[in-house]
Amino acid sequence: MECVKVRSSKRVSKKCKRHAEEKENKLKQHHECDTKHMDDDSSSTLLDLEASLDCLYEKRSSTREAGLKGMIDALRGRVMTHFIDDKYETLTHQILSSIKQSSSTEAVLAGRALAMVSITAGAGKVAEHVFEASFPHLSRSSKLGRDSAVRVSAIEALGMLTFVGGVEASTESAMEVLWQIVIHKGSAHADQTLGTSKPPPPVKAAAITAWSLLLSTLSSKRVMALQLSSVVGALSSLLEDPDLGVRKAAGEAIALLCELGDIHLLPQALGEGETTKTMAMELQVVDQMKALAASSSRKGQTKKERSEQRSSFRDMVAILEGGACHETCLKLKHGDSLKISTWSQTVQLNAFRRLLGEGFQRHLQENNLLHEVFNFVPSDAVVYKGTTKQQKHHNCIVSKMKTQLMNQRRCALEASRNFSYDSFEIF
């Protein structure tokens, strides 16, 4: 019998292949009714996922890495919600084991795999379980990871897991963890105070971006309840950071605050003694971002970096000055298109595209989570098709997810009515 291959790696051990063969036999015996109704791609992906999960039990780190790569590729290529629903507890446990005791490469892959599990599961109890089980480990890796790549992977996973499976209180907890990384001053005193090691530029940029993703889920009242003067002041100082990635991330966060919280109207909500100081700070931020949008004379910057900076900050300045976000139309396969008209949607779109890579279009067509997030309805030509049994199962999942999302929104609305906004502090 031909062995099942983990597509994402050419170096799968013989032992892992043997497990894959055994798993294929078990699937044929125990899941024959399901697999015979699947299309070839879905059946092949299911076998790949089962083989990849088996690899996570191996002692050899290279075999576990191969399993994680195979799992990430498989979940990017197909929306395997039923597999996640059946295996989420086992998957979460094994992937977290790769984060806690592993090489840097394995820890990076594990963070990406966790994010893919959450995206595939969609909003609901599964994503909530994955978040709750993962939050302590991802928080620790984000703040004290062994190297930049591990910390960036953990930060991105923490942002997405919270976005999909977090509730209001857990969103605030995750934002606080990320903000501690953002405001780190690069000193031993900061290490002791914040409980986090000095973040290199890629880590700081990732923390700002993930913080912005979670910020995009807050209502305008919740945004206005933040310590805006301190938050904007910290982000303003990061606009002068030598690293372009940090500058862009800080600018995007400021633009998002303006869109969600109407910062340009903030002086009207403050006392007379605070108004002058706040207005001066806002004018300073506007001037900083206008300068970045116009040109850059920083030493060591390439022509491409200067062009990227000008292009990025022009859109941000438009929002900062009270204008609307530039509408973007993303053309998709099958003739569909996705229109993005707010900065919040832009931040969310970038987060999903970063994690899904080439699988973004497939998930946008088939993943109900993305349909909800972007209010996107695929055209009739690409509506889910399958056997009667598959359609019934698919419709059940869709109905369940819609019910869960509605319940979450009701709970959030009720909580917001009873919440004292003055009690919330971001750090």
Protein backbone atom coordinates (compact mmCIF):
# COMPACT_ATOMS: atom_id res chain seq x y z
CA MET A 1 0.00 0.00 0.00
CA GLU A 2 1.22 3.43 -0.81
CA CYS A 3 2.01 5.37 2.36
CA VAL A 4 0.34 8.64 3.23
CA LYS A 5 2.62 11.64 2.80
CA VAL A 6 2.73 14.72 4.96
CA ARG A 7 2.75 17.24 2.14
CA SER A 8 4.58 20.04 3.82
CA SER A 9 7.80 18.15 4.52
CA LYS A 10 10.10 15.96 2.45
CA ARG A 11 11.81 14.60 5.53
CA VAL A 12 9.14 12.63 7.33
CA SER A 13 10.71 9.74 9.24
CA LYS A 14 10.04 6.11 8.37
CA LYS A 15 8.36 5.69 11.72
CA CYS A 16 6.02 8.57 10.98
CA LYS A 17 5.19 7.07 7.59
CA ARG A 18 4.45 3.73 9.23
CA HIS A 19 2.04 5.46 11.59
CA ALA A 20 0.44 7.13 8.59
CA GLU A 21 -0.09 3.74 6.93
CA GLU A 22 -1.62 2.35 10.10
CA LYS A 23 -3.84 5.41 10.41
CA GLU A 24 -4.97 5.02 6.82
CA ASN A 25 -6.04 1.43 7.52
CA LYS A 26 -7.93 2.52 10.65
CA LEU A 27 -9.66 5.28 8.74
CA LYS A 28 -10.76 2.85 6.07
CA GLN A 29 -12.15 0.50 8.72
CA HIS A 30 -13.80 2.99 11.08
CA HIS A 31 -14.65 5.97 8.81
CA GLU A 32 -15.48 4.25 5.54
CA CYS A 33 -18.97 5.68 5.44
CA ASP A 34 -17.66 9.25 5.75
CA THR A 35 -14.61 9.07 3.49
CA LYS A 36 -16.40 7.41 0.58
CA HIS A 37 -18.74 10.41 0.35
CA MET A 38 -15.92 12.96 0.47
CA ASP A 39 -14.29 14.40 -2.60
CA ASP A 40 -10.75 13.22 -3.24
CA ASP A 41 -9.14 16.41 -1.91
CA SER A 42 -11.04 16.32 1.39
CA SER A 43 -10.32 12.64 1.93
CA SER A 44 -6.63 13.17 1.18
CA THR A 45 -6.47 16.17 3.51
CA LEU A 46 -8.12 14.20 6.30
CA LEU A 47 -5.52 11.46 5.96
CA ASP A 48 -2.75 14.06 5.98
CA LEU A 49 -4.12 15.61 9.17
CA GLU A 50 -4.39 12.25 10.91
CA ALA A 51 -0.82 11.40 9.90
CA SER A 52 0.43 14.82 11.03
CA LEU A 53 -1.28 14.43 14.41
CA ASP A 54 0.42 11.05 14.87
CA CYS A 55 3.79 12.69 14.22
CA LEU A 56 3.27 15.00 17.21
CA TYR A 57 3.58 12.01 19.56
CA GLU A 58 7.09 11.14 18.34
CA LYS A 59 10.21 11.79 20.43
CA ARG A 60 12.28 13.07 17.51
CA SER A 61 11.84 16.83 17.18
CA SER A 62 12.30 16.75 13.41
CA THR A 63 9.36 14.36 13.13
CA ARG A 64 7.15 16.62 15.26
CA GLU A 65 8.19 19.60 13.15
CA ALA A 66 7.20 17.68 10.03
CA GLY A 67 3.83 16.92 11.60
CA LEU A 68 3.24 20.57 12.48
CA LYS A 69 4.18 21.68 8.96
CA GLY A 70 1.82 19.12 7.48
CA MET A 71 -1.00 20.22 9.76
CA ILE A 72 -0.54 23.92 8.95
CA ASP A 73 -0.49 23.28 5.20
CA ALA A 74 -3.52 20.98 5.37
CA LEU A 75 -5.59 23.44 7.42
CA ARG A 76 -4.62 26.29 5.14
CA GLY A 77 -5.57 24.35 2.03
CA ARG A 78 -8.96 23.06 3.21
CA VAL A 79 -11.53 24.14 5.81
CA MET A 80 -11.58 20.95 7.90
CA THR A 81 -13.98 22.06 10.63
CA HIS A 82 -15.29 18.56 11.33
CA PHE A 83 -11.75 17.29 12.00
CA ILE A 84 -11.11 20.13 14.49
CA ASP A 85 -14.46 19.54 16.21
CA ASP A 86 -13.55 15.88 16.75
CA LYS A 87 -9.90 16.34 17.75
CA TYR A 88 -9.57 19.80 19.28
CA GLU A 89 -8.67 18.66 22.82
CA THR A 90 -5.98 16.27 21.57
CA LEU A 91 -4.69 18.82 19.08
CA THR A 92 -4.46 21.58 21.67
CA HIS A 93 -2.64 19.38 24.17
CA GLN A 94 -0.10 18.08 21.67
CA ILE A 95 0.58 21.46 20.06
CA LEU A 96 1.08 23.09 23.47
CA SER A 97 3.57 20.35 24.31
CA SER A 98 5.55 21.48 21.27
CA ILE A 99 5.55 25.04 22.60
CA LYS A 100 6.59 24.17 26.15
CA GLN A 101 9.41 21.71 25.44
CA SER A 102 10.85 22.12 22.01
CA SER A 103 13.34 23.71 19.71
CA SER A 104 12.74 27.25 18.46
CA THR A 105 11.64 25.94 15.05
CA GLU A 106 9.07 23.64 16.60
CA ALA A 107 7.75 26.36 18.91
CA VAL A 108 7.28 28.74 15.96
CA LEU A 109 5.37 26.09 14.00
CA ALA A 110 3.28 25.23 17.05
CA GLY A 111 2.13 28.84 17.42
CA ARG A 112 1.04 28.93 13.78
CA ALA A 113 -0.71 25.58 14.12
CA LEU A 114 -2.70 26.82 17.13
CA ALA A 115 -3.82 29.87 15.16
CA MET A 116 -4.94 27.62 12.29
CA VAL A 117 -6.91 25.39 14.66
CA SER A 118 -8.75 28.45 16.03
CA ILE A 119 -9.46 29.92 12.59
CA THR A 120 -10.78 26.59 11.34
CA ALA A 121 -12.93 26.01 14.43
CA GLY A 122 -14.58 29.43 14.19
CA ALA A 123 -16.39 31.24 17.00
CA GLY A 124 -17.82 28.91 19.62
CA LYS A 125 -16.97 26.52 22.43
CA VAL A 126 -14.09 24.86 20.58
CA ALA A 127 -12.27 28.15 20.00
CA GLU A 128 -12.98 29.19 23.59
CA HIS A 129 -11.41 25.96 24.88
CA VAL A 130 -8.35 26.39 22.66
CA PHE A 131 -7.93 29.97 23.90
CA GLU A 132 -8.35 29.16 27.60
CA ALA A 133 -5.91 26.24 27.44
CA SER A 134 -3.35 28.21 25.42
CA PHE A 135 -3.46 31.66 27.01
CA PRO A 136 -0.97 31.07 29.88
CA HIS A 137 1.59 29.42 27.60
CA LEU A 138 1.27 31.94 24.78
CA SER A 139 1.49 34.85 27.25
CA ARG A 140 4.69 33.47 28.71
CA SER A 141 6.23 32.81 25.29
CA SER A 142 5.21 36.27 24.08
CA LYS A 143 6.94 37.99 27.00
CA LEU A 144 9.87 35.67 27.67
CA GLY A 145 10.34 33.57 24.54
CA ARG A 146 13.77 32.15 23.78
CA ASP A 147 14.19 34.19 20.58
CA SER A 148 12.42 36.72 18.36
CA ALA A 149 10.82 34.19 16.02
CA VAL A 150 9.26 32.25 18.90
CA ARG A 151 7.91 35.43 20.49
CA VAL A 152 6.47 36.75 17.22
CA SER A 153 4.73 33.41 16.54
CA ALA A 154 3.30 33.34 20.08
CA ILE A 155 2.12 36.96 19.82
CA GLU A 156 0.36 36.36 16.49
CA ALA A 157 -1.27 33.21 17.87
CA LEU A 158 -2.34 35.00 21.05
CA GLY A 159 -3.93 37.79 19.01
CA MET A 160 -5.86 35.43 16.72
CA LEU A 161 -6.93 32.99 19.45
CA THR A 162 -8.26 35.91 21.51
CA PHE A 163 -9.95 37.45 18.47
CA VAL A 164 -11.80 34.20 17.68
CA GLY A 165 -12.31 32.55 21.07
CA GLY A 166 -11.90 35.28 23.68
CA VAL A 167 -14.70 37.03 25.55
CA GLU A 168 -14.62 40.62 26.80
CA ALA A 169 -12.61 39.98 29.97
CA SER A 170 -10.08 37.73 28.26
CA THR A 171 -9.66 40.24 25.45
CA GLU A 172 -8.66 42.86 28.01
CA SER A 173 -6.21 40.40 29.63
CA ALA A 174 -4.58 39.63 26.29
CA MET A 175 -4.38 43.34 25.41
CA GLU A 176 -2.65 44.01 28.71
CA VAL A 177 -0.03 41.31 28.01
CA LEU A 178 0.62 42.77 24.56
CA TRP A 179 0.71 46.35 25.86
CA GLN A 180 3.41 45.43 28.39
CA ILE A 181 5.58 44.38 25.46
CA VAL A 182 4.73 47.54 23.55
CA ILE A 183 5.74 49.95 26.34
CA HIS A 184 8.91 48.10 27.37
CA LYS A 185 11.76 50.64 27.60
CA GLY A 186 14.56 48.17 27.06
CA SER A 187 15.95 48.21 30.59
CA ALA A 188 16.45 45.73 33.42
CA HIS A 189 14.02 47.76 35.52
CA ALA A 190 11.35 47.33 32.83
CA ASP A 191 12.05 43.59 32.79
CA GLN A 192 11.34 43.35 36.50
CA THR A 193 8.34 45.68 36.48
CA LEU A 194 6.56 44.21 33.45
CA GLY A 195 7.78 40.63 33.72
CA THR A 196 8.93 40.63 30.12
CA SER A 197 12.34 40.66 28.47
CA LYS A 198 13.47 43.39 26.09
CA PRO A 199 11.55 43.07 22.81
CA PRO A 200 13.56 43.35 19.56
CA PRO A 201 11.88 45.45 16.82
CA PRO A 202 10.05 42.52 15.14
CA VAL A 203 8.59 41.49 18.51
CA LYS A 204 7.49 45.02 19.38
CA ALA A 205 5.92 45.50 15.94
CA ALA A 206 4.07 42.17 16.25
CA ALA A 207 2.78 43.15 19.71
CA ILE A 208 1.43 46.47 18.45
CA THR A 209 -0.24 44.76 15.48
CA ALA A 210 -1.86 42.05 17.64
CA TRP A 211 -2.99 44.71 20.15
CA SER A 212 -4.59 46.62 17.26
CA LEU A 213 -6.39 43.46 16.09
CA LEU A 214 -8.02 43.11 19.51
CA LEU A 215 -8.67 46.85 19.69
CA SER A 216 -10.71 46.50 16.48
CA THR A 217 -13.22 44.34 18.39
CA LEU A 218 -14.00 47.02 21.01
CA SER A 219 -16.92 49.41 20.82
CA SER A 220 -16.26 53.15 20.61
CA LYS A 221 -17.30 53.53 24.27
CA ARG A 222 -14.79 50.89 25.32
CA VAL A 223 -12.08 52.60 23.29
CA MET A 224 -12.87 55.95 24.87
CA ALA A 225 -12.59 54.28 28.29
CA LEU A 226 -8.91 53.52 27.69
CA GLN A 227 -6.29 55.87 29.09
CA LEU A 228 -6.12 57.48 25.68
CA SER A 229 -3.63 60.21 26.52
CA SER A 230 -1.12 57.63 27.79
CA VAL A 231 -1.82 55.19 24.97
CA VAL A 232 -1.49 57.79 22.21
CA GLY A 233 1.58 59.26 23.91
CA ALA A 234 3.30 55.86 23.95
CA LEU A 235 2.41 55.18 20.32
CA SER A 236 3.55 58.68 19.35
CA SER A 237 7.02 57.99 20.74
CA LEU A 238 7.16 54.79 18.69
CA LEU A 239 6.60 56.81 15.51
CA GLU A 240 10.22 57.89 16.00
CA ASP A 241 11.52 54.31 16.31
CA PRO A 242 14.42 53.48 13.97
CA ASP A 243 12.61 50.36 12.73
CA LEU A 244 10.11 50.84 9.90
CA GLY A 245 7.96 47.93 11.07
CA VAL A 246 7.51 49.48 14.50
CA ARG A 247 6.71 52.90 13.01
CA LYS A 248 4.07 51.44 10.69
CA ALA A 249 2.47 49.34 13.42
CA ALA A 250 2.31 52.38 15.73
CA GLY A 251 0.77 54.52 12.99
CA GLU A 252 -1.84 51.87 12.23
CA ALA A 253 -2.78 51.66 15.90
CA ILE A 254 -3.19 55.44 16.11
CA ALA A 255 -5.34 55.48 12.97
CA LEU A 256 -7.51 52.72 14.42
CA LEU A 257 -7.94 54.63 17.69
CA CYS A 258 -9.08 57.65 15.70
CA GLU A 259 -11.58 55.62 13.70
CA LEU A 260 -13.06 53.79 16.69
CA GLY A 261 -12.84 56.46 19.36
CA ASP A 262 -13.10 59.76 17.48
CA ILE A 263 -9.91 61.07 19.06
CA HIS A 264 -10.21 64.35 17.19
CA LEU A 265 -13.35 65.01 19.33
CA LEU A 266 -11.67 63.98 22.58
CA PRO A 267 -10.96 67.51 23.93
CA GLN A 268 -14.70 68.13 24.13
CA ALA A 269 -14.99 65.23 26.60
CA LEU A 270 -12.18 66.41 28.87
CA GLY A 271 -11.94 69.05 31.54
CA GLU A 272 -10.66 72.52 30.71
CA GLY A 273 -7.28 71.89 32.35
CA GLU A 274 -6.64 68.83 30.18
CA THR A 275 -7.86 70.19 26.88
CA THR A 276 -4.79 72.22 25.93
CA LYS A 277 -2.41 69.39 26.73
CA THR A 278 -4.49 66.86 24.78
CA MET A 279 -4.86 69.12 21.75
CA ALA A 280 -1.11 69.75 21.70
CA MET A 281 -0.47 66.02 21.78
CA GLU A 282 -2.90 65.41 18.95
CA LEU A 283 -1.34 68.12 16.82
CA GLN A 284 2.07 66.63 17.47
CA VAL A 285 0.89 63.20 16.34
CA VAL A 286 -0.65 64.65 13.20
CA ASP A 287 2.57 66.50 12.39
CA GLN A 288 4.63 63.34 12.98
CA MET A 289 2.51 61.23 10.68
CA LYS A 290 2.35 63.93 8.01
CA ALA A 291 6.13 64.07 8.02
CA LEU A 292 6.34 60.29 7.66
CA ALA A 293 3.79 60.40 4.83
CA ALA A 294 5.69 63.11 2.98
CA SER A 295 9.24 61.81 2.97
CA SER A 296 11.94 60.16 5.03
CA SER A 297 15.57 61.11 5.36
CA ARG A 298 16.47 58.39 7.83
CA LYS A 299 19.90 56.97 7.40
CA GLY A 300 20.09 53.40 6.20
CA GLN A 301 16.60 53.34 4.66
CA THR A 302 16.33 51.96 1.17
CA LYS A 303 14.31 53.59 -1.56
CA LYS A 304 11.75 50.78 -1.29
CA GLU A 305 11.35 51.35 2.47
CA ARG A 306 10.84 55.08 1.99
CA SER A 307 8.21 54.43 -0.66
CA GLU A 308 6.44 51.89 1.56
CA GLN A 309 6.42 54.33 4.46
CA ARG A 310 4.97 57.20 2.42
CA SER A 311 2.25 54.99 0.95
CA SER A 312 1.24 53.54 4.33
CA PHE A 313 1.13 56.80 6.25
CA ARG A 314 -0.88 58.71 3.64
CA ASP A 315 -3.92 56.54 4.33
CA MET A 316 -3.37 56.85 8.08
CA VAL A 317 -3.17 60.64 7.95
CA ALA A 318 -6.49 60.77 6.09
CA ILE A 319 -8.17 58.95 8.98
CA LEU A 320 -6.37 61.00 11.60
CA GLU A 321 -7.68 64.21 10.08
CA GLY A 322 -11.26 62.95 10.21
CA GLY A 323 -11.57 61.50 6.75
CA ALA A 324 -12.71 58.05 5.71
CA CYS A 325 -10.56 55.01 5.12
CA HIS A 326 -9.65 54.44 1.50
CA GLU A 327 -11.93 51.69 0.16
CA THR A 328 -10.11 48.60 -1.06
CA CYS A 329 -11.63 46.04 -3.40
CA LEU A 330 -9.94 42.66 -3.27
CA LYS A 331 -10.67 40.55 -6.37
CA LEU A 332 -11.15 36.87 -5.65
CA LYS A 333 -11.44 33.69 -7.63
CA HIS A 334 -14.80 32.70 -9.15
CA GLY A 335 -15.53 36.38 -9.87
CA ASP A 336 -16.16 37.39 -6.26
CA SER A 337 -14.76 40.53 -4.66
CA LEU A 338 -14.27 41.66 -1.08
CA LYS A 339 -14.72 45.35 -0.25
CA ILE A 340 -12.87 46.80 2.73
CA SER A 341 -14.04 50.26 3.73
CA THR A 342 -12.85 50.72 7.34
CA TRP A 343 -9.49 50.64 9.07
CA SER A 344 -10.80 47.99 11.47
CA GLN A 345 -11.49 45.67 8.56
CA THR A 346 -8.07 46.44 7.10
CA VAL A 347 -6.38 45.40 10.35
CA GLN A 348 -8.46 42.21 10.51
CA LEU A 349 -7.86 41.40 6.85
CA ASN A 350 -4.10 41.75 7.24
CA ALA A 351 -4.14 39.45 10.28
CA PHE A 352 -5.97 36.66 8.45
CA ARG A 353 -3.87 37.01 5.30
CA ARG A 354 -0.68 36.82 7.34
CA LEU A 355 -1.69 33.54 8.96
CA LEU A 356 -3.55 31.90 6.08
CA GLY A 357 -1.10 32.81 3.33
CA GLU A 358 -2.12 31.19 0.04
CA GLY A 359 -5.10 29.58 1.77
CA PHE A 360 -6.82 32.92 2.40
CA GLN A 361 -9.04 32.78 -0.68
CA ARG A 362 -10.11 29.20 0.03
CA HIS A 363 -11.07 30.12 3.60
CA LEU A 364 -12.84 33.27 2.48
CA GLN A 365 -15.00 31.13 0.21
CA GLU A 366 -15.70 28.29 2.66
CA ASN A 367 -14.99 29.43 6.24
CA ASN A 368 -18.00 30.82 8.08
CA LEU A 369 -15.81 32.70 10.52
CA LEU A 370 -14.47 34.89 7.71
CA HIS A 371 -17.97 35.30 6.31
CA GLU A 372 -19.07 36.73 9.67
CA VAL A 373 -15.99 38.91 10.18
CA PHE A 374 -16.10 40.52 6.73
CA ASN A 375 -19.86 40.22 6.13
CA PHE A 376 -19.00 38.30 3.00
CA VAL A 377 -21.35 36.02 1.06
CA PRO A 378 -19.79 33.87 -1.69
CA SER A 379 -21.46 33.86 -5.08
CA ASP A 380 -23.83 31.03 -6.01
CA ALA A 381 -21.13 29.46 -8.15
CA VAL A 382 -19.03 28.63 -5.11
CA VAL A 383 -21.67 27.88 -2.50
CA TYR A 384 -20.90 24.73 -0.53
CA LYS A 385 -21.72 21.59 -2.53
CA GLY A 386 -21.60 17.94 -1.55
CA THR A 387 -23.71 14.92 -0.84
CA THR A 388 -27.00 15.27 1.03
CA LYS A 389 -25.28 13.96 4.16
CA GLN A 390 -22.42 16.46 3.84
CA GLN A 391 -24.79 19.38 3.19
CA LYS A 392 -26.85 18.47 6.26
CA HIS A 393 -23.69 18.36 8.39
CA HIS A 394 -22.43 21.64 6.91
CA ASN A 395 -25.74 23.44 7.44
CA CYS A 396 -25.83 22.20 11.04
CA ILE A 397 -22.40 23.70 11.69
CA VAL A 398 -23.39 27.01 10.06
CA SER A 399 -26.58 27.21 12.12
CA LYS A 400 -24.73 26.34 15.32
CA MET A 401 -22.05 28.98 14.66
CA LYS A 402 -24.61 31.69 13.93
CA THR A 403 -26.43 30.85 17.18
CA GLN A 404 -23.18 30.98 19.16
CA LEU A 405 -22.19 34.31 17.62
CA MET A 406 -25.60 35.79 18.38
CA ASN A 407 -25.40 34.58 21.99
CA GLN A 408 -21.91 36.08 22.37
CA ARG A 409 -23.11 39.40 21.02
CA ARG A 410 -26.08 39.42 23.39
CA CYS A 411 -23.82 38.66 26.35
CA ALA A 412 -21.37 41.37 25.30
CA LEU A 413 -24.17 43.91 24.90
CA GLU A 414 -25.61 43.07 28.30
CA ALA A 415 -22.18 43.25 29.93
CA SER A 416 -21.45 46.61 28.31
CA ARG A 417 -24.66 48.05 29.76
CA ASN A 418 -23.68 47.07 33.28
CA PHE A 419 -19.99 47.82 33.00
CA SER A 420 -18.44 50.84 34.65
CA TYR A 421 -16.20 52.21 31.92
CA ASP A 422 -14.18 54.28 34.33
CA SER A 423 -12.80 51.14 35.99
CA PHE A 424 -10.95 49.84 32.93
CA GLU A 425 -7.20 50.41 32.67
CA ILE A 426 -5.08 49.15 29.82
CA PHE A 427 -1.91 48.93 31.92
